[in-house]
Amino acid sequence: MFKVIITGGAGYIGIHTIVDLLSKGFSVISIDNNCRSYKEILQEARHITGHTIKNYPINLCDAKAVEQVFQENADAKAVIHFAAYKNVDESVDQPLLYYKNNIFSLLNILKNIQKFQIPYFIYSSSCSVYGIVNRLPVTEDTPLSNPESPYANTKRMGEEITYDFSIANPCKAVLLRYFNPVGAHESGFIGEIPFYKSTNLFTVITQCAIGKKSKIIVFGNDYETSDGTCIRDYIHVMDIAEAHTKSLEYLIRQKKSEQKLCCETFNLGTGTGITVLEALKAFERNTNQKLNYEIGQRRAGDIPAIYANNDKAMRELNWIPKRTIDEMMLSAWKWEQKIPQFSWINH
């Protein structure tokens, strides 16, 4: 079988992508030291897939340990690299932690891709690399402005490192820039488990609805948008997961003789912007839950609006985001309600 090494396999997008890859006939192994995840989520994924997922609980900054994993899986044909610290506020407070973890881990992965001649690599990036944009929607050719956080800078640096690596080595790469992944698998067995104070709007909404938070603060209602609140491009995590499988299939289809770039970039978003208030109303409409929210001051660092042009991904990857805002909300709520059943989650 076509084996794929997944770093951060127990993380939010990693575990959903593992489920999708397994459903499409790929073989996977995970590398995740569970410093920001729960190993038990891999067992929950087994309920969905029927497959036991092997995980190596090592630190990707440990070069010798990483090489050992690659040595044991020398038949792997691809790597999808999710593992990274990702909280913007934490990255501002502890920039060196982010530069060390996110960059050193990538370098170790690429060294072993080179050593074991793995032909395909997919890098988990972010729309945060665009910074503050002057024109919407954002395309892959939109100029990158200054990163707004050390986290965003590590993603931008990671893209540049991957690009340079792919030029110098016989490895074709894809960079996937996510917009705002939300929701959970429709089964309710897997979803997002925040390890740092979450600023993800959907998580804040469901935590408020279930009583973990007393209220929601809407940061500003005086932006130049339809209702004065910020606009973001929310996309279901399973649509994101499917894009990784589609990206891998895209790389496999390519021949070295074809005039394709050795490193391609794709936006992963719905192409539609949703305001904060529209998101709150969508939750209330779909769950019959009344949310307690109030309007607050603008939050430093927030940009008024950003959403994707996803034409390239739809055209080249044959990828179409299928799930609506209603489906996103319902799956997120189903997952939030199920979390108390998992005794291994630190509630």
C-alpha atoms as a PDB file:
ATOM      1  CA  MET A   1       0.000   0.000   0.000  1.00  0.00           C
ATOM      2  CA  PHE A   2       0.994   3.623  -0.508  1.00  0.00           C
ATOM      3  CA  LYS A   3       2.322   4.658   2.919  1.00  0.00           C
ATOM      4  CA  VAL A   4       2.071   8.245   4.179  1.00  0.00           C
ATOM      5  CA  ILE A   5       3.877   9.625   7.232  1.00  0.00           C
ATOM      6  CA  ILE A   6       1.670  12.115   9.077  1.00  0.00           C
ATOM      7  CA  THR A   7       3.311  14.439  11.596  1.00  0.00           C
ATOM      8  CA  GLY A   8       0.914  15.792  14.210  1.00  0.00           C
ATOM      9  CA  GLY A   9      -1.419  12.913  13.451  1.00  0.00           C
ATOM     10  CA  ALA A  10      -3.323  13.284  16.731  1.00  0.00           C
ATOM     11  CA  GLY A  11      -3.926  16.982  16.126  1.00  0.00           C
ATOM     12  CA  TYR A  12      -7.124  18.597  14.881  1.00  0.00           C
ATOM     13  CA  ILE A  13      -6.513  18.589  11.129  1.00  0.00           C
ATOM     14  CA  GLY A  14      -4.088  15.670  11.267  1.00  0.00           C
ATOM     15  CA  ILE A  15      -6.599  13.180  12.686  1.00  0.00           C
ATOM     16  CA  HIS A  16      -9.323  14.200  10.225  1.00  0.00           C
ATOM     17  CA  THR A  17      -6.880  13.831   7.338  1.00  0.00           C
ATOM     18  CA  ILE A  18      -5.835  10.384   8.568  1.00  0.00           C
ATOM     19  CA  VAL A  19      -9.501   9.346   8.516  1.00  0.00           C
ATOM     20  CA  ASP A  20      -9.901  10.619   4.957  1.00  0.00           C
ATOM     21  CA  LEU A  21      -6.666   9.015   3.715  1.00  0.00           C
ATOM     22  CA  LEU A  22      -7.610   5.643   5.184  1.00  0.00           C
ATOM     23  CA  SER A  23     -11.042   5.853   3.564  1.00  0.00           C
ATOM     24  CA  LYS A  24      -9.313   6.360   0.192  1.00  0.00           C
ATOM     25  CA  GLY A  25      -7.048   3.316   0.530  1.00  0.00           C
ATOM     26  CA  PHE A  26      -3.823   4.893   1.759  1.00  0.00           C
ATOM     27  CA  SER A  27      -1.714   3.480   4.599  1.00  0.00           C
ATOM     28  CA  VAL A  28      -0.644   5.897   7.344  1.00  0.00           C
ATOM     29  CA  ILE A  29       1.634   6.144  10.343  1.00  0.00           C
ATOM     30  CA  SER A  30       1.584   9.061  12.766  1.00  0.00           C
ATOM     31  CA  ILE A  31       4.328  10.975  14.566  1.00  0.00           C
ATOM     32  CA  ASP A  32       2.959  12.922  17.525  1.00  0.00           C
ATOM     33  CA  ASN A  33       4.448  13.353  21.002  1.00  0.00           C
ATOM     34  CA  ASN A  34       1.012  14.469  22.292  1.00  0.00           C
ATOM     35  CA  CYS A  35       2.331  17.620  23.929  1.00  0.00           C
ATOM     36  CA  ARG A  36      -0.654  19.428  22.368  1.00  0.00           C
ATOM     37  CA  SER A  37      -2.923  16.490  21.647  1.00  0.00           C
ATOM     38  CA  TYR A  38      -4.373  13.342  23.178  1.00  0.00           C
ATOM     39  CA  LYS A  39      -3.142   9.927  22.065  1.00  0.00           C
ATOM     40  CA  GLU A  40      -6.627   8.538  22.741  1.00  0.00           C
ATOM     41  CA  ILE A  41      -8.032  10.415  19.732  1.00  0.00           C
ATOM     42  CA  LEU A  42      -6.289   7.845  17.533  1.00  0.00           C
ATOM     43  CA  GLN A  43      -8.446   5.163  19.152  1.00  0.00           C
ATOM     44  CA  GLU A  44     -11.562   7.218  18.432  1.00  0.00           C
ATOM     45  CA  ALA A  45     -10.515   7.405  14.785  1.00  0.00           C
ATOM     46  CA  ARG A  46     -10.366   3.615  14.798  1.00  0.00           C
ATOM     47  CA  HIS A  47     -14.126   3.561  15.455  1.00  0.00           C
ATOM     48  CA  ILE A  48     -14.601   5.471  12.196  1.00  0.00           C
ATOM     49  CA  THR A  49     -12.045   3.714   9.991  1.00  0.00           C
ATOM     50  CA  GLY A  50     -11.685   0.226  11.445  1.00  0.00           C
ATOM     51  CA  HIS A  51      -7.900   0.702  11.296  1.00  0.00           C
ATOM     52  CA  THR A  52      -5.401   0.768  14.145  1.00  0.00           C
ATOM     53  CA  ILE A  53      -3.182   3.816  13.648  1.00  0.00           C
ATOM     54  CA  LYS A  54       0.440   3.378  14.671  1.00  0.00           C
ATOM     55  CA  ASN A  55       1.899   6.446  16.380  1.00  0.00           C
ATOM     56  CA  TYR A  56       5.483   7.313  17.281  1.00  0.00           C
ATOM     57  CA  PRO A  57       5.387   9.594  20.373  1.00  0.00           C
ATOM     58  CA  ILE A  58       8.642  11.418  19.645  1.00  0.00           C
ATOM     59  CA  ASN A  59       9.681  15.051  19.562  1.00  0.00           C
ATOM     60  CA  LEU A  60      10.303  16.123  15.979  1.00  0.00           C
ATOM     61  CA  CYS A  61      13.101  18.390  17.175  1.00  0.00           C
ATOM     62  CA  ASP A  62      15.010  15.243  18.200  1.00  0.00           C
ATOM     63  CA  ALA A  63      16.970  14.536  15.012  1.00  0.00           C
ATOM     64  CA  LYS A  64      18.038  10.994  15.972  1.00  0.00           C
ATOM     65  CA  ALA A  65      14.525   9.934  16.956  1.00  0.00           C
ATOM     66  CA  VAL A  66      13.092  11.319  13.716  1.00  0.00           C
ATOM     67  CA  GLU A  67      15.677   9.492  11.634  1.00  0.00           C
ATOM     68  CA  GLN A  68      14.853   6.238  13.427  1.00  0.00           C
ATOM     69  CA  VAL A  69      11.170   6.565  12.515  1.00  0.00           C
ATOM     70  CA  PHE A  70      12.021   7.192   8.871  1.00  0.00           C
ATOM     71  CA  GLN A  71      14.426   4.252   8.909  1.00  0.00           C
ATOM     72  CA  GLU A  72      11.647   1.975  10.162  1.00  0.00           C
ATOM     73  CA  ASN A  73       9.302   3.327   7.485  1.00  0.00           C
ATOM     74  CA  ALA A  74      11.704   3.562   4.571  1.00  0.00           C
ATOM     75  CA  ASP A  75       8.922   2.361   2.262  1.00  0.00           C
ATOM     76  CA  ALA A  76       6.929   5.587   2.836  1.00  0.00           C
ATOM     77  CA  LYS A  77       6.201   7.556  -0.302  1.00  0.00           C
ATOM     78  CA  ALA A  78       4.912  10.813   1.154  1.00  0.00           C
ATOM     79  CA  VAL A  79       4.976  13.049   4.218  1.00  0.00           C
ATOM     80  CA  ILE A  80       2.224  15.420   5.319  1.00  0.00           C
ATOM     81  CA  HIS A  81       3.624  17.808   7.915  1.00  0.00           C
ATOM     82  CA  PHE A  82       1.005  19.193  10.322  1.00  0.00           C
ATOM     83  CA  ALA A  83       2.994  19.237  13.572  1.00  0.00           C
ATOM     84  CA  ALA A  84       3.490  22.797  14.827  1.00  0.00           C
ATOM     85  CA  TYR A  85       2.546  25.101  17.651  1.00  0.00           C
ATOM     86  CA  LYS A  86      -0.248  27.312  16.345  1.00  0.00           C
ATOM     87  CA  ASN A  87      -1.568  29.752  18.945  1.00  0.00           C
ATOM     88  CA  VAL A  88      -1.011  33.334  17.814  1.00  0.00           C
ATOM     89  CA  ASP A  89      -1.117  34.900  21.294  1.00  0.00           C
ATOM     90  CA  GLU A  90       1.303  32.336  22.711  1.00  0.00           C
ATOM     91  CA  SER A  91       3.675  32.936  19.814  1.00  0.00           C
ATOM     92  CA  VAL A  92       3.740  36.651  20.637  1.00  0.00           C
ATOM     93  CA  ASP A  93       4.534  35.862  24.286  1.00  0.00           C
ATOM     94  CA  GLN A  94       7.081  33.115  23.509  1.00  0.00           C
ATOM     95  CA  PRO A  95       8.518  33.692  20.031  1.00  0.00           C
ATOM     96  CA  LEU A  96      11.653  31.598  20.566  1.00  0.00           C
ATOM     97  CA  LEU A  97       9.531  28.590  21.520  1.00  0.00           C
ATOM     98  CA  TYR A  98       7.717  28.884  18.195  1.00  0.00           C
ATOM     99  CA  TYR A  99      10.811  29.419  16.057  1.00  0.00           C
ATOM    100  CA  LYS A 100      12.589  26.477  17.659  1.00  0.00           C
ATOM    101  CA  ASN A 101       9.673  24.041  17.500  1.00  0.00           C
ATOM    102  CA  ASN A 102       8.146  24.937  14.156  1.00  0.00           C
ATOM    103  CA  ILE A 103      11.367  25.433  12.188  1.00  0.00           C
ATOM    104  CA  PHE A 104      13.636  22.773  13.707  1.00  0.00           C
ATOM    105  CA  SER A 105      10.949  20.109  13.293  1.00  0.00           C
ATOM    106  CA  LEU A 106      10.520  21.016   9.611  1.00  0.00           C
ATOM    107  CA  LEU A 107      14.268  20.869   8.998  1.00  0.00           C
ATOM    108  CA  ASN A 108      14.484  17.415  10.557  1.00  0.00           C
ATOM    109  CA  ILE A 109      11.611  16.174   8.414  1.00  0.00           C
ATOM    110  CA  LEU A 110      13.137  17.527   5.199  1.00  0.00           C
ATOM    111  CA  LYS A 111      16.560  16.072   6.002  1.00  0.00           C
ATOM    112  CA  ASN A 112      14.991  12.633   6.192  1.00  0.00           C
ATOM    113  CA  ILE A 113      12.882  13.140   3.090  1.00  0.00           C
ATOM    114  CA  GLN A 114      16.182  13.824   1.359  1.00  0.00           C
ATOM    115  CA  LYS A 115      18.011  10.887   2.931  1.00  0.00           C
ATOM    116  CA  PHE A 116      15.278   8.324   2.252  1.00  0.00           C
ATOM    117  CA  GLN A 117      14.338   9.805  -1.127  1.00  0.00           C
ATOM    118  CA  ILE A 118      10.662  10.323  -0.368  1.00  0.00           C
ATOM    119  CA  PRO A 119       9.101  11.816  -3.521  1.00  0.00           C
ATOM    120  CA  TYR A 120       6.131  13.786  -2.144  1.00  0.00           C
ATOM    121  CA  PHE A 121       5.710  16.385   0.609  1.00  0.00           C
ATOM    122  CA  ILE A 122       2.691  18.408   1.735  1.00  0.00           C
ATOM    123  CA  TYR A 123       3.219  21.345   4.089  1.00  0.00           C
ATOM    124  CA  SER A 124       0.491  22.630   6.385  1.00  0.00           C
ATOM    125  CA  SER A 125       0.502  26.411   6.034  1.00  0.00           C
ATOM    126  CA  SER A 126      -1.947  29.197   6.819  1.00  0.00           C
ATOM    127  CA  CYS A 127      -3.668  32.230   5.341  1.00  0.00           C
ATOM    128  CA  SER A 128      -1.848  34.163   8.082  1.00  0.00           C
ATOM    129  CA  VAL A 129       1.130  34.329   5.694  1.00  0.00           C
ATOM    130  CA  TYR A 130      -0.778  36.984   3.712  1.00  0.00           C
ATOM    131  CA  GLY A 131      -0.846  39.418   6.624  1.00  0.00           C
ATOM    132  CA  ILE A 132      -2.999  42.487   6.011  1.00  0.00           C
ATOM    133  CA  VAL A 133      -4.277  42.451   2.435  1.00  0.00           C
ATOM    134  CA  ASN A 134      -5.505  45.328   0.289  1.00  0.00           C
ATOM    135  CA  ARG A 135      -7.675  43.381  -2.123  1.00  0.00           C
ATOM    136  CA  LEU A 136     -10.210  40.560  -1.724  1.00  0.00           C
ATOM    137  CA  PRO A 137     -10.619  37.721  -2.348  1.00  0.00           C
ATOM    138  CA  VAL A 138      -7.077  36.518  -1.664  1.00  0.00           C
ATOM    139  CA  THR A 139      -5.420  34.555  -4.466  1.00  0.00           C
ATOM    140  CA  GLU A 140      -2.198  32.557  -4.324  1.00  0.00           C
ATOM    141  CA  ASP A 141      -0.546  35.477  -6.135  1.00  0.00           C
ATOM    142  CA  THR A 142      -1.584  38.053  -3.534  1.00  0.00           C
ATOM    143  CA  PRO A 143       1.625  39.694  -2.254  1.00  0.00           C
ATOM    144  CA  LEU A 144       2.627  38.604   1.234  1.00  0.00           C
ATOM    145  CA  SER A 145       2.817  41.514   3.669  1.00  0.00           C
ATOM    146  CA  ASN A 146       4.644  41.551   6.991  1.00  0.00           C
ATOM    147  CA  PRO A 147       3.557  38.662   9.248  1.00  0.00           C
ATOM    148  CA  GLU A 148       1.368  39.777  12.146  1.00  0.00           C
ATOM    149  CA  SER A 149       2.799  37.248  14.628  1.00  0.00           C
ATOM    150  CA  PRO A 150       5.773  34.918  15.169  1.00  0.00           C
ATOM    151  CA  TYR A 151       3.412  32.017  14.404  1.00  0.00           C
ATOM    152  CA  ALA A 152       2.571  33.500  10.999  1.00  0.00           C
ATOM    153  CA  ASN A 153       6.262  34.127  10.390  1.00  0.00           C
ATOM    154  CA  THR A 154       7.129  30.477  11.087  1.00  0.00           C
ATOM    155  CA  LYS A 155       4.566  29.451   8.463  1.00  0.00           C
ATOM    156  CA  ARG A 156       5.981  31.891   5.944  1.00  0.00           C
ATOM    157  CA  MET A 157       9.527  30.724   6.674  1.00  0.00           C
ATOM    158  CA  GLY A 158       8.357  27.111   6.400  1.00  0.00           C
ATOM    159  CA  GLU A 159       6.961  27.789   2.941  1.00  0.00           C
ATOM    160  CA  GLU A 160      10.225  29.393   1.816  1.00  0.00           C
ATOM    161  CA  ILE A 161      12.296  26.517   3.204  1.00  0.00           C
ATOM    162  CA  THR A 162      10.056  23.948   1.500  1.00  0.00           C
ATOM    163  CA  TYR A 163      10.240  25.810  -1.808  1.00  0.00           C
ATOM    164  CA  ASP A 164      14.028  26.004  -1.746  1.00  0.00           C
ATOM    165  CA  PHE A 165      14.258  22.340  -0.722  1.00  0.00           C
ATOM    166  CA  SER A 166      12.007  21.194  -3.570  1.00  0.00           C
ATOM    167  CA  ILE A 167      14.166  22.994  -6.136  1.00  0.00           C
ATOM    168  CA  ALA A 168      17.342  21.321  -4.891  1.00  0.00           C
ATOM    169  CA  ASN A 169      15.885  17.827  -4.423  1.00  0.00           C
ATOM    170  CA  PRO A 170      13.787  15.312  -6.414  1.00  0.00           C
ATOM    171  CA  CYS A 171      10.790  15.889  -4.160  1.00  0.00           C
ATOM    172  CA  LYS A 172       7.608  17.549  -5.360  1.00  0.00           C
ATOM    173  CA  ALA A 173       5.793  19.630  -2.750  1.00  0.00           C
ATOM    174  CA  VAL A 174       2.458  21.298  -2.102  1.00  0.00           C
ATOM    175  CA  LEU A 175       1.878  24.202   0.277  1.00  0.00           C
ATOM    176  CA  LEU A 176      -1.682  24.377   1.602  1.00  0.00           C
ATOM    177  CA  ARG A 177      -2.815  27.708   3.032  1.00  0.00           C
ATOM    178  CA  TYR A 178      -5.811  27.096   5.300  1.00  0.00           C
ATOM    179  CA  PHE A 179      -8.253  29.835   6.071  1.00  0.00           C
ATOM    180  CA  ASN A 180     -10.391  29.030   9.154  1.00  0.00           C
ATOM    181  CA  PRO A 181     -10.879  25.267   9.707  1.00  0.00           C
ATOM    182  CA  VAL A 182     -13.934  24.549  11.873  1.00  0.00           C
ATOM    183  CA  GLY A 183     -16.374  21.786  12.707  1.00  0.00           C
ATOM    184  CA  ALA A 184     -15.819  18.095  13.364  1.00  0.00           C
ATOM    185  CA  HIS A 185     -16.271  14.695  11.781  1.00  0.00           C
ATOM    186  CA  GLU A 186     -19.951  13.924  11.306  1.00  0.00           C
ATOM    187  CA  SER A 187     -19.643  10.822  13.506  1.00  0.00           C
ATOM    188  CA  GLY A 188     -18.879  12.935  16.560  1.00  0.00           C
ATOM    189  CA  PHE A 189     -15.908  10.703  17.426  1.00  0.00           C
ATOM    190  CA  ILE A 190     -13.209  13.275  16.570  1.00  0.00           C
ATOM    191  CA  GLY A 191     -13.010  17.062  16.662  1.00  0.00           C
ATOM    192  CA  GLU A 192     -10.944  19.962  17.974  1.00  0.00           C
ATOM    193  CA  ILE A 193      -9.586  19.839  21.531  1.00  0.00           C
ATOM    194  CA  PRO A 194      -8.057  23.236  22.426  1.00  0.00           C
ATOM    195  CA  PHE A 195      -4.843  23.035  24.438  1.00  0.00           C
ATOM    196  CA  TYR A 196      -4.391  26.765  24.860  1.00  0.00           C
ATOM    197  CA  LYS A 197      -7.038  29.396  25.486  1.00  0.00           C
ATOM    198  CA  SER A 198      -9.013  29.146  22.269  1.00  0.00           C
ATOM    199  CA  THR A 199      -9.762  32.192  20.143  1.00  0.00           C
ATOM    200  CA  ASN A 200     -11.383  30.079  17.420  1.00  0.00           C
ATOM    201  CA  LEU A 201     -14.864  31.586  17.053  1.00  0.00           C
ATOM    202  CA  PHE A 202     -16.648  28.249  16.630  1.00  0.00           C
ATOM    203  CA  THR A 203     -15.012  26.821  19.750  1.00  0.00           C
ATOM    204  CA  VAL A 204     -15.884  29.961  21.713  1.00  0.00           C
ATOM    205  CA  ILE A 205     -19.500  29.654  20.505  1.00  0.00           C
ATOM    206  CA  THR A 206     -19.933  25.993  21.451  1.00  0.00           C
ATOM    207  CA  GLN A 207     -18.174  26.444  24.793  1.00  0.00           C
ATOM    208  CA  CYS A 208     -20.496  29.310  25.625  1.00  0.00           C
ATOM    209  CA  ALA A 209     -23.571  27.318  24.586  1.00  0.00           C
ATOM    210  CA  ILE A 210     -22.611  24.361  26.769  1.00  0.00           C
ATOM    211  CA  GLY A 211     -21.729  26.548  29.777  1.00  0.00           C
ATOM    212  CA  LYS A 212     -17.917  26.491  29.763  1.00  0.00           C
ATOM    213  CA  LYS A 213     -17.921  30.233  29.049  1.00  0.00           C
ATOM    214  CA  SER A 214     -20.369  32.755  30.473  1.00  0.00           C
ATOM    215  CA  LYS A 215     -20.515  34.984  27.391  1.00  0.00           C
ATOM    216  CA  ILE A 216     -19.031  35.790  24.017  1.00  0.00           C
ATOM    217  CA  ILE A 217     -17.342  39.104  23.314  1.00  0.00           C
ATOM    218  CA  VAL A 218     -17.725  40.312  19.729  1.00  0.00           C
ATOM    219  CA  PHE A 219     -14.614  42.374  19.146  1.00  0.00           C
ATOM    220  CA  GLY A 220     -15.899  45.485  17.403  1.00  0.00           C
ATOM    221  CA  ASN A 221     -18.964  46.263  15.310  1.00  0.00           C
ATOM    222  CA  ASP A 222     -17.694  49.339  13.485  1.00  0.00           C
ATOM    223  CA  TYR A 223     -15.749  47.708  10.655  1.00  0.00           C
ATOM    224  CA  GLU A 224     -16.671  48.461   7.051  1.00  0.00           C
ATOM    225  CA  THR A 225     -18.580  45.199   6.619  1.00  0.00           C
ATOM    226  CA  SER A 226     -22.254  44.357   6.162  1.00  0.00           C
ATOM    227  CA  ASP A 227     -22.988  44.320   9.915  1.00  0.00           C
ATOM    228  CA  GLY A 228     -19.835  45.983  11.246  1.00  0.00           C
ATOM    229  CA  THR A 229     -18.179  42.762  12.479  1.00  0.00           C
ATOM    230  CA  CYS A 230     -15.098  41.027  11.083  1.00  0.00           C
ATOM    231  CA  ILE A 231     -15.359  38.702   8.089  1.00  0.00           C
ATOM    232  CA  ARG A 232     -13.570  35.360   7.893  1.00  0.00           C
ATOM    233  CA  ASP A 233     -13.630  32.365   5.548  1.00  0.00           C
ATOM    234  CA  TYR A 234     -14.737  29.370   7.630  1.00  0.00           C
ATOM    235  CA  ILE A 235     -14.238  25.934   6.100  1.00  0.00           C
ATOM    236  CA  HIS A 236     -15.198  22.510   7.411  1.00  0.00           C
ATOM    237  CA  VAL A 237     -12.263  20.468   8.685  1.00  0.00           C
ATOM    238  CA  MET A 238     -13.319  17.452   6.587  1.00  0.00           C
ATOM    239  CA  ASP A 239     -13.193  19.586   3.448  1.00  0.00           C
ATOM    240  CA  ILE A 240      -9.672  20.570   4.528  1.00  0.00           C
ATOM    241  CA  ALA A 241      -8.830  16.902   5.137  1.00  0.00           C
ATOM    242  CA  GLU A 242     -10.083  15.906   1.698  1.00  0.00           C
ATOM    243  CA  ALA A 243      -7.913  18.619   0.148  1.00  0.00           C
ATOM    244  CA  HIS A 244      -4.826  16.885   1.547  1.00  0.00           C
ATOM    245  CA  THR A 245      -5.830  13.595  -0.040  1.00  0.00           C
ATOM    246  CA  LYS A 246      -6.563  15.418  -3.298  1.00  0.00           C
ATOM    247  CA  SER A 247      -3.163  17.154  -3.087  1.00  0.00           C
ATOM    248  CA  LEU A 248      -1.390  13.840  -2.645  1.00  0.00           C
ATOM    249  CA  GLU A 249      -3.262  12.355  -5.598  1.00  0.00           C
ATOM    250  CA  TYR A 250      -2.311  15.464  -7.603  1.00  0.00           C
ATOM    251  CA  LEU A 251       1.381  14.978  -6.818  1.00  0.00           C
ATOM    252  CA  ILE A 252       1.234  11.287  -7.708  1.00  0.00           C
ATOM    253  CA  ARG A 253      -0.304  12.143 -11.092  1.00  0.00           C
ATOM    254  CA  GLN A 254       2.490  14.537 -11.975  1.00  0.00           C
ATOM    255  CA  LYS A 255       5.413  13.338 -14.055  1.00  0.00           C
ATOM    256  CA  LYS A 256       8.844  14.902 -13.715  1.00  0.00           C
ATOM    257  CA  SER A 257       8.773  15.549 -17.447  1.00  0.00           C
ATOM    258  CA  GLU A 258       5.693  17.727 -17.121  1.00  0.00           C
ATOM    259  CA  GLN A 259       6.189  21.464 -16.965  1.00  0.00           C
ATOM    260  CA  LYS A 260       4.836  21.806 -13.468  1.00  0.00           C
ATOM    261  CA  LEU A 261       6.385  23.736 -10.632  1.00  0.00           C
ATOM    262  CA  CYS A 262       8.288  21.594  -8.126  1.00  0.00           C
ATOM    263  CA  CYS A 263       6.373  23.371  -5.343  1.00  0.00           C
ATOM    264  CA  GLU A 264       2.744  24.451  -5.767  1.00  0.00           C
ATOM    265  CA  THR A 265       0.656  26.640  -3.454  1.00  0.00           C
ATOM    266  CA  PHE A 266      -3.108  26.350  -2.931  1.00  0.00           C
ATOM    267  CA  ASN A 267      -5.643  28.319  -0.897  1.00  0.00           C
ATOM    268  CA  LEU A 268      -8.098  26.204   1.091  1.00  0.00           C
ATOM    269  CA  GLY A 269     -11.204  28.220   1.802  1.00  0.00           C
ATOM    270  CA  THR A 270     -14.839  28.279   0.735  1.00  0.00           C
ATOM    271  CA  GLY A 271     -14.431  31.553  -1.132  1.00  0.00           C
ATOM    272  CA  THR A 272     -17.215  33.098   0.951  1.00  0.00           C
ATOM    273  CA  GLY A 273     -16.807  35.472   3.851  1.00  0.00           C
ATOM    274  CA  ILE A 274     -18.956  35.137   6.974  1.00  0.00           C
ATOM    275  CA  THR A 275     -19.253  37.882   9.595  1.00  0.00           C
ATOM    276  CA  VAL A 276     -19.030  37.158  13.305  1.00  0.00           C
ATOM    277  CA  LEU A 277     -22.695  38.013  13.816  1.00  0.00           C
ATOM    278  CA  GLU A 278     -23.712  35.810  10.880  1.00  0.00           C
ATOM    279  CA  ALA A 279     -21.837  32.924  12.505  1.00  0.00           C
ATOM    280  CA  LEU A 280     -23.580  33.499  15.840  1.00  0.00           C
ATOM    281  CA  LYS A 281     -26.983  33.583  14.138  1.00  0.00           C
ATOM    282  CA  ALA A 282     -26.174  30.416  12.177  1.00  0.00           C
ATOM    283  CA  PHE A 283     -25.467  28.586  15.416  1.00  0.00           C
ATOM    284  CA  GLU A 284     -28.659  29.800  17.066  1.00  0.00           C
ATOM    285  CA  ARG A 285     -30.701  28.935  13.967  1.00  0.00           C
ATOM    286  CA  ASN A 286     -29.364  25.391  13.687  1.00  0.00           C
ATOM    287  CA  THR A 287     -29.305  24.395  17.365  1.00  0.00           C
ATOM    288  CA  ASN A 288     -32.145  26.395  18.927  1.00  0.00           C
ATOM    289  CA  GLN A 289     -29.607  27.544  21.523  1.00  0.00           C
ATOM    290  CA  LYS A 290     -29.616  31.206  22.567  1.00  0.00           C
ATOM    291  CA  LEU A 291     -26.118  32.658  22.860  1.00  0.00           C
ATOM    292  CA  ASN A 292     -25.098  35.263  25.422  1.00  0.00           C
ATOM    293  CA  TYR A 293     -22.925  37.765  23.594  1.00  0.00           C
ATOM    294  CA  GLU A 294     -22.078  41.434  23.793  1.00  0.00           C
ATOM    295  CA  ILE A 295     -20.222  43.906  21.627  1.00  0.00           C
ATOM    296  CA  GLY A 296     -16.762  44.860  22.869  1.00  0.00           C
ATOM    297  CA  GLN A 297     -13.868  46.961  21.648  1.00  0.00           C
ATOM    298  CA  ARG A 298     -11.835  46.034  18.615  1.00  0.00           C
ATOM    299  CA  ARG A 299      -9.078  43.511  19.293  1.00  0.00           C
ATOM    300  CA  ALA A 300      -5.506  44.455  18.463  1.00  0.00           C
ATOM    301  CA  GLY A 301      -4.234  42.651  15.384  1.00  0.00           C
ATOM    302  CA  ASP A 302      -7.642  41.805  13.914  1.00  0.00           C
ATOM    303  CA  ILE A 303      -8.066  42.627  10.248  1.00  0.00           C
ATOM    304  CA  PRO A 304     -11.525  43.640   8.987  1.00  0.00           C
ATOM    305  CA  ALA A 305     -11.939  40.910   6.391  1.00  0.00           C
ATOM    306  CA  ILE A 306     -10.182  38.057   4.631  1.00  0.00           C
ATOM    307  CA  TYR A 307     -11.521  35.272   2.446  1.00  0.00           C
ATOM    308  CA  ALA A 308     -10.113  33.055  -0.249  1.00  0.00           C
ATOM    309  CA  ASN A 309     -10.215  32.748  -3.968  1.00  0.00           C
ATOM    310  CA  ASN A 310     -10.114  28.938  -4.236  1.00  0.00           C
ATOM    311  CA  ASP A 311     -10.271  28.662  -8.037  1.00  0.00           C
ATOM    312  CA  LYS A 312      -6.788  27.169  -8.328  1.00  0.00           C
ATOM    313  CA  ALA A 313      -7.469  24.346  -5.854  1.00  0.00           C
ATOM    314  CA  MET A 314     -10.787  23.581  -7.517  1.00  0.00           C
ATOM    315  CA  ARG A 315      -9.194  23.549 -10.967  1.00  0.00           C
ATOM    316  CA  GLU A 316      -5.890  21.764 -10.280  1.00  0.00           C
ATOM    317  CA  LEU A 317      -6.813  19.487  -7.384  1.00  0.00           C
ATOM    318  CA  ASN A 318     -10.384  18.767  -8.475  1.00  0.00           C
ATOM    319  CA  TRP A 319     -11.344  19.786  -4.940  1.00  0.00           C
ATOM    320  CA  ILE A 320     -14.700  21.301  -4.054  1.00  0.00           C
ATOM    321  CA  PRO A 321     -15.582  22.366  -0.485  1.00  0.00           C
ATOM    322  CA  LYS A 322     -18.993  20.793   0.027  1.00  0.00           C
ATOM    323  CA  ARG A 323     -20.105  21.508   3.576  1.00  0.00           C
ATOM    324  CA  THR A 324     -22.213  24.560   4.406  1.00  0.00           C
ATOM    325  CA  ILE A 325     -22.006  26.927   7.369  1.00  0.00           C
ATOM    326  CA  ASP A 326     -25.009  25.094   8.838  1.00  0.00           C
ATOM    327  CA  GLU A 327     -23.210  21.741   8.614  1.00  0.00           C
ATOM    328  CA  MET A 328     -20.116  23.303  10.165  1.00  0.00           C
ATOM    329  CA  MET A 329     -22.113  24.567  13.129  1.00  0.00           C
ATOM    330  CA  LEU A 330     -24.045  21.334  13.664  1.00  0.00           C
ATOM    331  CA  SER A 331     -20.910  19.170  13.599  1.00  0.00           C
ATOM    332  CA  ALA A 332     -19.085  21.513  16.001  1.00  0.00           C
ATOM    333  CA  TRP A 333     -22.052  21.411  18.404  1.00  0.00           C
ATOM    334  CA  LYS A 334     -22.361  17.621  18.172  1.00  0.00           C
ATOM    335  CA  TRP A 335     -18.665  17.302  19.062  1.00  0.00           C
ATOM    336  CA  GLU A 336     -18.892  19.776  21.955  1.00  0.00           C
ATOM    337  CA  GLN A 337     -21.799  17.848  23.428  1.00  0.00           C
ATOM    338  CA  LYS A 338     -19.888  14.579  23.174  1.00  0.00           C
ATOM    339  CA  ILE A 339     -16.644  15.808  24.787  1.00  0.00           C
ATOM    340  CA  PRO A 340     -17.849  15.147  28.380  1.00  0.00           C
ATOM    341  CA  GLN A 341     -18.132  11.439  27.501  1.00  0.00           C
ATOM    342  CA  PHE A 342     -14.367  11.241  26.988  1.00  0.00           C
ATOM    343  CA  SER A 343     -12.834  10.771  30.434  1.00  0.00           C
ATOM    344  CA  TRP A 344      -9.330  11.200  29.009  1.00  0.00           C
ATOM    345  CA  ILE A 345      -9.949  14.827  28.030  1.00  0.00           C
ATOM    346  CA  ASN A 346      -8.968  17.354  30.669  1.00  0.00           C
ATOM    347  CA  HIS A 347     -12.247  19.249  30.869  1.00  0.00           C
END
